Amino acid sequence: MRELLAHTIEDLDKRGIADEALGVMRPAHRILGLMRPAVIVPAGRAWRLGVLLLDRECRLYATGMVTRAITPKRGVADHSLVADARREEQRAAVRGAFAEGEVVNFGYSPIAIDDASLLAGAGPLSLDGTTVTVRWDMSGAGRGSAPLESYLAERIRLLSSD
């Protein structure tokens, strides 16, 4: 498994595929009576490969949410709760000192890749015989799954410019 992930990282680097920022959302809180707004703090970098994030240390994460570090324009017409929350996530990324326009992944969760965890198959990865598979559709058993090796190769192909 680690060999496959290391090879994937080499391939991503060789092809010049850019990684993305990882961040951790720190909710709004009070300090000495003053309200401090939510902030997304930097937590590393990883490649987004569909339902997986892969960092340079061969660690996998299940994707969570994604935003861009931008300051939303004032006077927007869309004042739905969803749009307001999205704009607050963008502001939180800016407050976290990410570069303007940078893609920031947050709300992700680590994926254990040891044999016992793969056998349990609680997350997107599981063991089918001797083959590690990834599920991108968690709504039904066996639907939307593929061997991890071919899944990663396809994701790299989709991200490549060649």
N, C-alpha and C. Protein backbone atom coordinates (compact mmCIF):
# COMPACT_ATOMS: atom_id res chain seq x y z
N MET A 1 0.82 -1.19 0.00
CA MET A 1 0.00 0.00 0.00
C MET A 1 0.87 1.26 0.00
N ARG A 2 1.84 1.30 0.91
CA ARG A 2 2.73 2.48 0.96
C ARG A 2 3.50 2.64 -0.36
N GLU A 3 3.88 1.53 -0.96
CA GLU A 3 4.59 1.58 -2.24
C GLU A 3 3.71 2.20 -3.32
N LEU A 4 2.44 1.81 -3.36
CA LEU A 4 1.49 2.38 -4.33
C LEU A 4 1.34 3.89 -4.09
N LEU A 5 1.20 4.30 -2.83
CA LEU A 5 1.04 5.72 -2.53
C LEU A 5 2.30 6.51 -2.86
N ALA A 6 3.47 5.94 -2.56
CA ALA A 6 4.74 6.61 -2.89
C ALA A 6 4.89 6.76 -4.40
N HIS A 7 4.52 5.72 -5.15
CA HIS A 7 4.58 5.79 -6.61
C HIS A 7 3.60 6.86 -7.14
N THR A 8 2.43 6.94 -6.53
CA THR A 8 1.44 7.94 -6.93
C THR A 8 1.98 9.34 -6.71
N ILE A 9 2.63 9.57 -5.58
CA ILE A 9 3.23 10.88 -5.29
C ILE A 9 4.30 11.22 -6.31
N GLU A 10 5.15 10.26 -6.64
CA GLU A 10 6.19 10.48 -7.66
C GLU A 10 5.55 10.86 -8.99
N ASP A 11 4.50 10.15 -9.37
CA ASP A 11 3.81 10.42 -10.64
C ASP A 11 3.18 11.81 -10.62
N LEU A 12 2.54 12.19 -9.53
CA LEU A 12 1.94 13.52 -9.41
C LEU A 12 3.01 14.61 -9.55
N ASP A 13 4.13 14.42 -8.87
CA ASP A 13 5.24 15.38 -8.96
C ASP A 13 5.80 15.44 -10.38
N LYS A 14 6.04 14.28 -10.97
CA LYS A 14 6.63 14.21 -12.31
C LYS A 14 5.74 14.93 -13.33
N ARG A 15 4.45 14.82 -13.17
CA ARG A 15 3.51 15.46 -14.10
C ARG A 15 3.25 16.93 -13.76
N GLY A 16 3.80 17.38 -12.64
CA GLY A 16 3.62 18.79 -12.25
C GLY A 16 2.21 19.11 -11.77
N ILE A 17 1.52 18.13 -11.24
CA ILE A 17 0.16 18.36 -10.74
C ILE A 17 0.25 19.04 -9.38
N ALA A 18 -0.40 20.16 -9.27
CA ALA A 18 -0.32 20.97 -8.04
C ALA A 18 -1.11 20.34 -6.91
N ASP A 19 -0.54 20.44 -5.71
CA ASP A 19 -1.27 20.02 -4.53
C ASP A 19 -2.10 21.20 -4.03
N GLU A 20 -2.91 20.96 -3.02
CA GLU A 20 -3.79 21.98 -2.47
C GLU A 20 -3.56 22.10 -0.96
N ALA A 21 -3.98 23.21 -0.42
CA ALA A 21 -3.81 23.45 1.02
C ALA A 21 -4.78 22.61 1.83
N LEU A 22 -4.29 22.18 2.99
CA LEU A 22 -5.13 21.55 4.01
C LEU A 22 -5.27 22.54 5.15
N GLY A 23 -6.44 22.60 5.74
CA GLY A 23 -6.65 23.49 6.86
C GLY A 23 -7.58 22.88 7.89
N VAL A 24 -7.53 23.43 9.07
CA VAL A 24 -8.40 23.00 10.16
C VAL A 24 -9.23 24.20 10.59
N MET A 25 -10.55 24.02 10.58
CA MET A 25 -11.46 25.10 10.97
C MET A 25 -11.45 25.27 12.48
N ARG A 26 -11.13 26.48 12.92
CA ARG A 26 -11.24 26.84 14.34
C ARG A 26 -12.48 27.72 14.45
N PRO A 27 -13.49 27.28 15.18
CA PRO A 27 -14.75 28.05 15.24
C PRO A 27 -14.57 29.39 15.95
N ALA A 28 -15.54 30.25 15.73
CA ALA A 28 -15.56 31.54 16.42
C ALA A 28 -15.59 31.29 17.93
N HIS A 29 -14.91 32.15 18.68
CA HIS A 29 -14.85 31.99 20.14
C HIS A 29 -14.56 33.34 20.79
N ARG A 30 -14.77 33.40 22.10
CA ARG A 30 -14.51 34.63 22.85
C ARG A 30 -13.16 34.53 23.55
N ILE A 31 -12.42 35.63 23.52
CA ILE A 31 -11.19 35.77 24.29
C ILE A 31 -11.30 37.09 25.03
N LEU A 32 -11.27 37.01 26.34
CA LEU A 32 -11.38 38.20 27.20
C LEU A 32 -12.59 39.04 26.83
N GLY A 33 -13.70 38.36 26.55
CA GLY A 33 -14.94 39.05 26.23
C GLY A 33 -15.08 39.52 24.79
N LEU A 34 -14.01 39.42 24.02
CA LEU A 34 -14.07 39.84 22.62
C LEU A 34 -14.32 38.62 21.73
N MET A 35 -15.23 38.78 20.78
CA MET A 35 -15.55 37.69 19.87
C MET A 35 -14.49 37.60 18.78
N ARG A 36 -13.89 36.43 18.65
CA ARG A 36 -12.92 36.16 17.60
C ARG A 36 -13.62 35.35 16.53
N PRO A 37 -13.52 35.75 15.27
CA PRO A 37 -14.22 35.03 14.20
C PRO A 37 -13.56 33.68 13.90
N ALA A 38 -14.30 32.83 13.22
CA ALA A 38 -13.77 31.54 12.79
C ALA A 38 -12.57 31.75 11.87
N VAL A 39 -11.65 30.81 11.92
CA VAL A 39 -10.46 30.87 11.07
C VAL A 39 -10.10 29.45 10.65
N ILE A 40 -9.63 29.31 9.43
CA ILE A 40 -9.09 28.03 8.96
C ILE A 40 -7.57 28.16 9.02
N VAL A 41 -6.94 27.36 9.88
CA VAL A 41 -5.49 27.44 10.04
C VAL A 41 -4.81 26.41 9.15
N PRO A 42 -3.67 26.75 8.56
CA PRO A 42 -2.94 25.83 7.69
C PRO A 42 -2.55 24.54 8.43
N ALA A 43 -2.66 23.41 7.71
CA ALA A 43 -2.33 22.11 8.30
C ALA A 43 -1.57 21.22 7.31
N GLY A 44 -0.99 21.81 6.28
CA GLY A 44 -0.23 21.02 5.32
C GLY A 44 -0.77 21.15 3.91
N ARG A 45 -0.35 20.20 3.07
CA ARG A 45 -0.76 20.20 1.67
C ARG A 45 -1.02 18.77 1.24
N ALA A 46 -1.90 18.62 0.25
CA ALA A 46 -2.22 17.28 -0.26
C ALA A 46 -2.82 17.42 -1.66
N TRP A 47 -2.82 16.32 -2.36
CA TRP A 47 -3.49 16.28 -3.66
C TRP A 47 -4.90 15.77 -3.44
N ARG A 48 -5.87 16.42 -4.09
CA ARG A 48 -7.25 15.94 -4.03
C ARG A 48 -7.45 14.99 -5.20
N LEU A 49 -7.72 13.74 -4.85
CA LEU A 49 -7.90 12.67 -5.84
C LEU A 49 -9.29 12.08 -5.65
N GLY A 50 -10.30 12.83 -6.07
CA GLY A 50 -11.67 12.37 -5.90
C GLY A 50 -12.06 12.39 -4.43
N VAL A 51 -12.41 11.22 -3.90
CA VAL A 51 -12.84 11.12 -2.50
C VAL A 51 -11.67 11.02 -1.54
N LEU A 52 -10.45 11.08 -2.07
CA LEU A 52 -9.24 10.94 -1.25
C LEU A 52 -8.37 12.18 -1.34
N LEU A 53 -7.69 12.47 -0.24
CA LEU A 53 -6.61 13.44 -0.21
C LEU A 53 -5.35 12.66 0.13
N LEU A 54 -4.26 12.92 -0.59
CA LEU A 54 -2.99 12.23 -0.37
C LEU A 54 -1.91 13.27 -0.12
N ASP A 55 -1.23 13.16 1.05
CA ASP A 55 -0.15 14.10 1.33
C ASP A 55 1.21 13.47 1.01
N ARG A 56 2.26 14.25 1.11
CA ARG A 56 3.60 13.79 0.73
C ARG A 56 4.17 12.73 1.67
N GLU A 57 3.56 12.53 2.82
CA GLU A 57 4.03 11.50 3.76
C GLU A 57 3.25 10.20 3.60
N CYS A 58 2.57 10.03 2.46
CA CYS A 58 1.77 8.83 2.14
C CYS A 58 0.60 8.64 3.09
N ARG A 59 0.08 9.74 3.63
CA ARG A 59 -1.12 9.66 4.47
C ARG A 59 -2.33 9.97 3.60
N LEU A 60 -3.40 9.21 3.83
CA LEU A 60 -4.65 9.41 3.11
C LEU A 60 -5.70 10.00 4.04
N TYR A 61 -6.55 10.83 3.45
CA TYR A 61 -7.67 11.44 4.16
C TYR A 61 -8.91 11.32 3.29
N ALA A 62 -10.06 11.16 3.93
CA ALA A 62 -11.33 11.26 3.22
C ALA A 62 -11.62 12.74 3.03
N THR A 63 -11.96 13.13 1.81
CA THR A 63 -12.22 14.54 1.55
C THR A 63 -13.38 15.02 2.42
N GLY A 64 -13.33 16.29 2.72
CA GLY A 64 -14.39 16.92 3.50
C GLY A 64 -14.99 18.03 2.68
N MET A 65 -14.71 19.26 3.09
CA MET A 65 -15.23 20.42 2.38
C MET A 65 -14.07 21.17 1.74
N VAL A 66 -14.41 22.03 0.81
CA VAL A 66 -13.39 22.81 0.11
C VAL A 66 -13.92 24.22 -0.08
N THR A 67 -13.00 25.18 0.00
CA THR A 67 -13.34 26.58 -0.24
C THR A 67 -12.16 27.25 -0.90
N ARG A 68 -12.33 28.50 -1.24
CA ARG A 68 -11.23 29.33 -1.75
C ARG A 68 -11.00 30.45 -0.77
N ALA A 69 -9.76 30.82 -0.61
CA ALA A 69 -9.41 31.95 0.26
C ALA A 69 -9.65 33.24 -0.53
N ILE A 70 -10.86 33.74 -0.43
CA ILE A 70 -11.20 35.00 -1.09
C ILE A 70 -12.06 35.84 -0.15
N THR A 71 -12.00 37.13 -0.33
CA THR A 71 -12.86 38.03 0.42
C THR A 71 -14.09 38.27 -0.42
N PRO A 72 -15.24 37.73 0.02
CA PRO A 72 -16.46 37.89 -0.78
C PRO A 72 -16.82 39.36 -0.96
N LYS A 73 -17.40 39.68 -2.09
CA LYS A 73 -17.82 41.04 -2.38
C LYS A 73 -19.01 41.41 -1.50
N ARG A 74 -19.10 42.67 -1.17
CA ARG A 74 -20.25 43.17 -0.40
C ARG A 74 -21.42 43.38 -1.37
N GLY A 75 -22.60 43.36 -0.82
CA GLY A 75 -23.78 43.65 -1.63
C GLY A 75 -24.21 42.50 -2.52
N VAL A 76 -23.97 41.28 -2.09
CA VAL A 76 -24.38 40.13 -2.90
C VAL A 76 -25.88 39.94 -2.81
N ALA A 77 -26.46 39.38 -3.85
CA ALA A 77 -27.90 39.18 -3.91
C ALA A 77 -28.34 37.90 -3.20
N ASP A 78 -27.46 36.91 -3.11
CA ASP A 78 -27.82 35.62 -2.53
C ASP A 78 -27.59 35.65 -1.02
N HIS A 79 -28.66 35.71 -0.25
CA HIS A 79 -28.55 35.76 1.20
C HIS A 79 -29.12 34.50 1.84
N SER A 80 -29.03 33.38 1.16
CA SER A 80 -29.49 32.12 1.76
C SER A 80 -28.51 31.71 2.84
N LEU A 81 -28.95 30.84 3.73
CA LEU A 81 -28.07 30.36 4.80
C LEU A 81 -26.86 29.63 4.23
N VAL A 82 -27.07 28.86 3.16
CA VAL A 82 -25.96 28.12 2.54
C VAL A 82 -24.95 29.09 1.94
N ALA A 83 -25.41 30.11 1.24
CA ALA A 83 -24.50 31.07 0.63
C ALA A 83 -23.77 31.88 1.70
N ASP A 84 -24.48 32.25 2.77
CA ASP A 84 -23.83 32.98 3.86
C ASP A 84 -22.74 32.12 4.51
N ALA A 85 -23.02 30.83 4.72
CA ALA A 85 -22.03 29.92 5.32
C ALA A 85 -20.82 29.77 4.40
N ARG A 86 -21.06 29.68 3.09
CA ARG A 86 -19.96 29.57 2.12
C ARG A 86 -19.07 30.81 2.16
N ARG A 87 -19.68 31.98 2.24
CA ARG A 87 -18.90 33.22 2.31
C ARG A 87 -18.10 33.29 3.61
N GLU A 88 -18.68 32.80 4.70
CA GLU A 88 -17.95 32.80 5.98
C GLU A 88 -16.76 31.83 5.92
N GLU A 89 -16.90 30.70 5.24
CA GLU A 89 -15.77 29.77 5.05
C GLU A 89 -14.66 30.45 4.25
N GLN A 90 -15.04 31.19 3.22
CA GLN A 90 -14.05 31.91 2.42
C GLN A 90 -13.31 32.94 3.27
N ARG A 91 -14.05 33.68 4.08
CA ARG A 91 -13.41 34.67 4.98
C ARG A 91 -12.49 33.97 5.98
N ALA A 92 -12.93 32.82 6.51
CA ALA A 92 -12.12 32.09 7.49
C ALA A 92 -10.79 31.65 6.86
N ALA A 93 -10.82 31.28 5.59
CA ALA A 93 -9.58 30.90 4.90
C ALA A 93 -8.66 32.10 4.73
N VAL A 94 -9.23 33.25 4.41
CA VAL A 94 -8.43 34.47 4.28
C VAL A 94 -7.80 34.82 5.63
N ARG A 95 -8.58 34.71 6.70
CA ARG A 95 -8.05 35.00 8.04
C ARG A 95 -6.94 34.02 8.42
N GLY A 96 -6.95 32.83 7.83
CA GLY A 96 -5.92 31.83 8.10
C GLY A 96 -4.64 32.06 7.33
N ALA A 97 -4.56 33.15 6.63
CA ALA A 97 -3.34 33.57 5.91
C ALA A 97 -3.03 32.69 4.70
N PHE A 98 -4.05 32.10 4.09
CA PHE A 98 -3.83 31.41 2.82
C PHE A 98 -3.75 32.47 1.73
N ALA A 99 -3.04 32.16 0.67
CA ALA A 99 -2.90 33.10 -0.44
C ALA A 99 -4.26 33.36 -1.09
N GLU A 100 -4.47 34.59 -1.51
CA GLU A 100 -5.71 34.96 -2.17
C GLU A 100 -6.00 34.01 -3.33
N GLY A 101 -7.19 33.44 -3.34
CA GLY A 101 -7.61 32.53 -4.40
C GLY A 101 -7.22 31.07 -4.20
N GLU A 102 -6.43 30.79 -3.16
CA GLU A 102 -5.96 29.42 -2.95
C GLU A 102 -7.10 28.49 -2.54
N VAL A 103 -7.08 27.27 -3.09
CA VAL A 103 -8.04 26.24 -2.72
C VAL A 103 -7.63 25.67 -1.37
N VAL A 104 -8.60 25.56 -0.45
CA VAL A 104 -8.33 25.08 0.91
C VAL A 104 -9.30 23.94 1.23
N ASN A 105 -8.76 22.78 1.54
CA ASN A 105 -9.54 21.62 1.96
C ASN A 105 -9.61 21.62 3.48
N PHE A 106 -10.80 21.42 4.04
CA PHE A 106 -10.95 21.34 5.49
C PHE A 106 -12.09 20.37 5.81
N GLY A 107 -12.18 19.97 7.05
CA GLY A 107 -13.23 19.03 7.42
C GLY A 107 -12.96 17.62 6.91
N TYR A 108 -11.74 17.33 6.54
CA TYR A 108 -11.34 16.00 6.07
C TYR A 108 -11.06 15.11 7.27
N SER A 109 -10.97 13.81 7.03
CA SER A 109 -10.67 12.89 8.15
C SER A 109 -9.63 11.87 7.71
N PRO A 110 -8.71 11.52 8.62
CA PRO A 110 -7.66 10.56 8.27
C PRO A 110 -8.24 9.17 7.99
N ILE A 111 -7.58 8.47 7.08
CA ILE A 111 -7.97 7.10 6.74
C ILE A 111 -6.85 6.17 7.21
N ALA A 112 -7.19 5.24 8.06
CA ALA A 112 -6.20 4.24 8.50
C ALA A 112 -5.99 3.24 7.36
N ILE A 113 -4.73 2.93 7.10
CA ILE A 113 -4.43 2.01 5.99
C ILE A 113 -3.80 0.71 6.47
N ASP A 114 -3.92 0.43 7.77
CA ASP A 114 -3.42 -0.85 8.28
C ASP A 114 -4.40 -1.96 7.87
N ASP A 115 -3.94 -3.20 7.92
CA ASP A 115 -4.75 -4.33 7.46
C ASP A 115 -6.08 -4.44 8.20
N ALA A 116 -6.07 -4.27 9.52
CA ALA A 116 -7.31 -4.41 10.30
C ALA A 116 -8.34 -3.37 9.87
N SER A 117 -7.90 -2.14 9.65
CA SER A 117 -8.82 -1.08 9.24
C SER A 117 -9.37 -1.33 7.84
N LEU A 118 -8.50 -1.80 6.94
CA LEU A 118 -8.95 -2.09 5.58
C LEU A 118 -9.94 -3.25 5.58
N LEU A 119 -9.72 -4.25 6.42
CA LEU A 119 -10.65 -5.38 6.52
C LEU A 119 -12.00 -4.92 7.06
N ALA A 120 -11.99 -3.98 8.01
CA ALA A 120 -13.23 -3.46 8.57
C ALA A 120 -14.00 -2.66 7.53
N GLY A 121 -13.29 -1.96 6.63
CA GLY A 121 -13.92 -1.21 5.55
C GLY A 121 -14.89 -0.14 5.99
N ALA A 122 -14.58 0.54 7.10
CA ALA A 122 -15.49 1.55 7.63
C ALA A 122 -15.51 2.83 6.80
N GLY A 123 -14.42 3.17 6.14
CA GLY A 123 -14.34 4.39 5.35
C GLY A 123 -14.41 4.08 3.86
N PRO A 124 -13.81 4.94 3.06
CA PRO A 124 -13.86 4.72 1.62
C PRO A 124 -12.96 3.58 1.13
N LEU A 125 -12.01 3.12 1.96
CA LEU A 125 -11.13 2.03 1.56
C LEU A 125 -11.53 0.73 2.24
N SER A 126 -11.40 -0.36 1.50
CA SER A 126 -11.65 -1.68 2.08
C SER A 126 -10.81 -2.70 1.34
N LEU A 127 -10.78 -3.88 1.87
CA LEU A 127 -10.01 -4.98 1.28
C LEU A 127 -10.99 -5.97 0.67
N ASP A 128 -10.79 -6.26 -0.61
CA ASP A 128 -11.59 -7.26 -1.31
C ASP A 128 -10.63 -8.37 -1.71
N GLY A 129 -10.55 -9.39 -0.89
CA GLY A 129 -9.53 -10.42 -1.09
C GLY A 129 -8.18 -9.84 -0.76
N THR A 130 -7.33 -9.70 -1.78
CA THR A 130 -6.02 -9.07 -1.58
C THR A 130 -5.94 -7.70 -2.24
N THR A 131 -7.06 -7.22 -2.76
CA THR A 131 -7.10 -5.95 -3.47
C THR A 131 -7.73 -4.86 -2.61
N VAL A 132 -7.01 -3.73 -2.47
CA VAL A 132 -7.58 -2.57 -1.78
C VAL A 132 -8.49 -1.86 -2.76
N THR A 133 -9.73 -1.63 -2.34
CA THR A 133 -10.69 -0.93 -3.19
C THR A 133 -11.09 0.39 -2.55
N VAL A 134 -11.52 1.31 -3.39
CA VAL A 134 -12.01 2.61 -2.92
C VAL A 134 -13.46 2.76 -3.39
N ARG A 135 -14.31 3.22 -2.47
CA ARG A 135 -15.71 3.49 -2.78
C ARG A 135 -15.90 4.99 -2.86
N TRP A 136 -16.47 5.44 -3.95
CA TRP A 136 -16.77 6.86 -4.05
C TRP A 136 -18.26 7.09 -3.90
N ASP A 137 -19.04 6.03 -3.92
CA ASP A 137 -20.48 6.12 -3.70
C ASP A 137 -20.80 5.27 -2.47
N MET A 138 -21.00 5.94 -1.35
CA MET A 138 -21.22 5.23 -0.08
C MET A 138 -22.68 4.83 0.12
N SER A 139 -23.54 5.02 -0.89
CA SER A 139 -24.96 4.74 -0.71
C SER A 139 -25.31 3.26 -0.82
N GLY A 140 -24.43 2.43 -1.39
CA GLY A 140 -24.75 1.02 -1.52
C GLY A 140 -23.51 0.17 -1.65
N ALA A 141 -23.56 -1.02 -1.12
CA ALA A 141 -22.40 -1.92 -1.16
C ALA A 141 -22.09 -2.31 -2.60
N GLY A 142 -20.83 -2.17 -2.96
CA GLY A 142 -20.37 -2.58 -4.28
C GLY A 142 -20.62 -1.57 -5.38
N ARG A 143 -21.50 -0.61 -5.15
CA ARG A 143 -21.75 0.41 -6.17
C ARG A 143 -20.71 1.50 -6.05
N GLY A 144 -20.19 1.95 -7.18
CA GLY A 144 -19.24 3.05 -7.15
C GLY A 144 -17.94 2.71 -6.48
N SER A 145 -17.36 1.56 -6.80
CA SER A 145 -16.07 1.19 -6.23
C SER A 145 -15.15 0.67 -7.31
N ALA A 146 -13.85 0.73 -7.02
CA ALA A 146 -12.84 0.26 -7.97
C ALA A 146 -11.58 -0.08 -7.20
N PRO A 147 -10.70 -0.88 -7.80
CA PRO A 147 -9.40 -1.12 -7.17
C PRO A 147 -8.68 0.22 -6.99
N LEU A 148 -8.05 0.40 -5.84
CA LEU A 148 -7.38 1.66 -5.52
C LEU A 148 -6.34 2.04 -6.57
N GLU A 149 -5.56 1.07 -7.02
CA GLU A 149 -4.51 1.36 -8.00
C GLU A 149 -5.08 1.96 -9.28
N SER A 150 -6.14 1.37 -9.83
CA SER A 150 -6.72 1.91 -11.06
C SER A 150 -7.44 3.23 -10.80
N TYR A 151 -8.04 3.37 -9.62
CA TYR A 151 -8.71 4.62 -9.25
C TYR A 151 -7.70 5.78 -9.23
N LEU A 152 -6.55 5.56 -8.58
CA LEU A 152 -5.53 6.61 -8.50
C LEU A 152 -4.98 6.94 -9.89
N ALA A 153 -4.74 5.92 -10.71
CA ALA A 153 -4.24 6.15 -12.07
C ALA A 153 -5.24 6.98 -12.88
N GLU A 154 -6.52 6.68 -12.74
CA GLU A 154 -7.55 7.44 -13.46
C GLU A 154 -7.62 8.88 -12.97
N ARG A 155 -7.51 9.09 -11.67
CA ARG A 155 -7.54 10.44 -11.11
C ARG A 155 -6.34 11.25 -11.61
N ILE A 156 -5.18 10.63 -11.68
CA ILE A 156 -3.99 11.33 -12.18
C ILE A 156 -4.18 11.68 -13.65
N ARG A 157 -4.74 10.75 -14.41
CA ARG A 157 -4.99 11.01 -15.83
C ARG A 157 -5.93 12.20 -15.99
N LEU A 158 -6.96 12.27 -15.17
CA LEU A 158 -7.93 13.37 -15.25
C LEU A 158 -7.30 14.71 -14.88
N LEU A 159 -6.34 14.69 -13.95
CA LEU A 159 -5.68 15.93 -13.52
C LEU A 159 -4.54 16.36 -14.43
N SER A 160 -4.04 15.41 -15.23
CA SER A 160 -2.90 15.70 -16.12
C SER A 160 -3.33 16.55 -17.30
N SER A 161 -2.41 17.35 -17.74
CA SER A 161 -2.67 18.17 -18.93
C SER A 161 -2.24 17.46 -20.21
N ASP A 162 -1.58 16.28 -20.07
CA ASP A 162 -1.13 15.57 -21.28
C ASP A 162 -2.09 14.53 -21.72
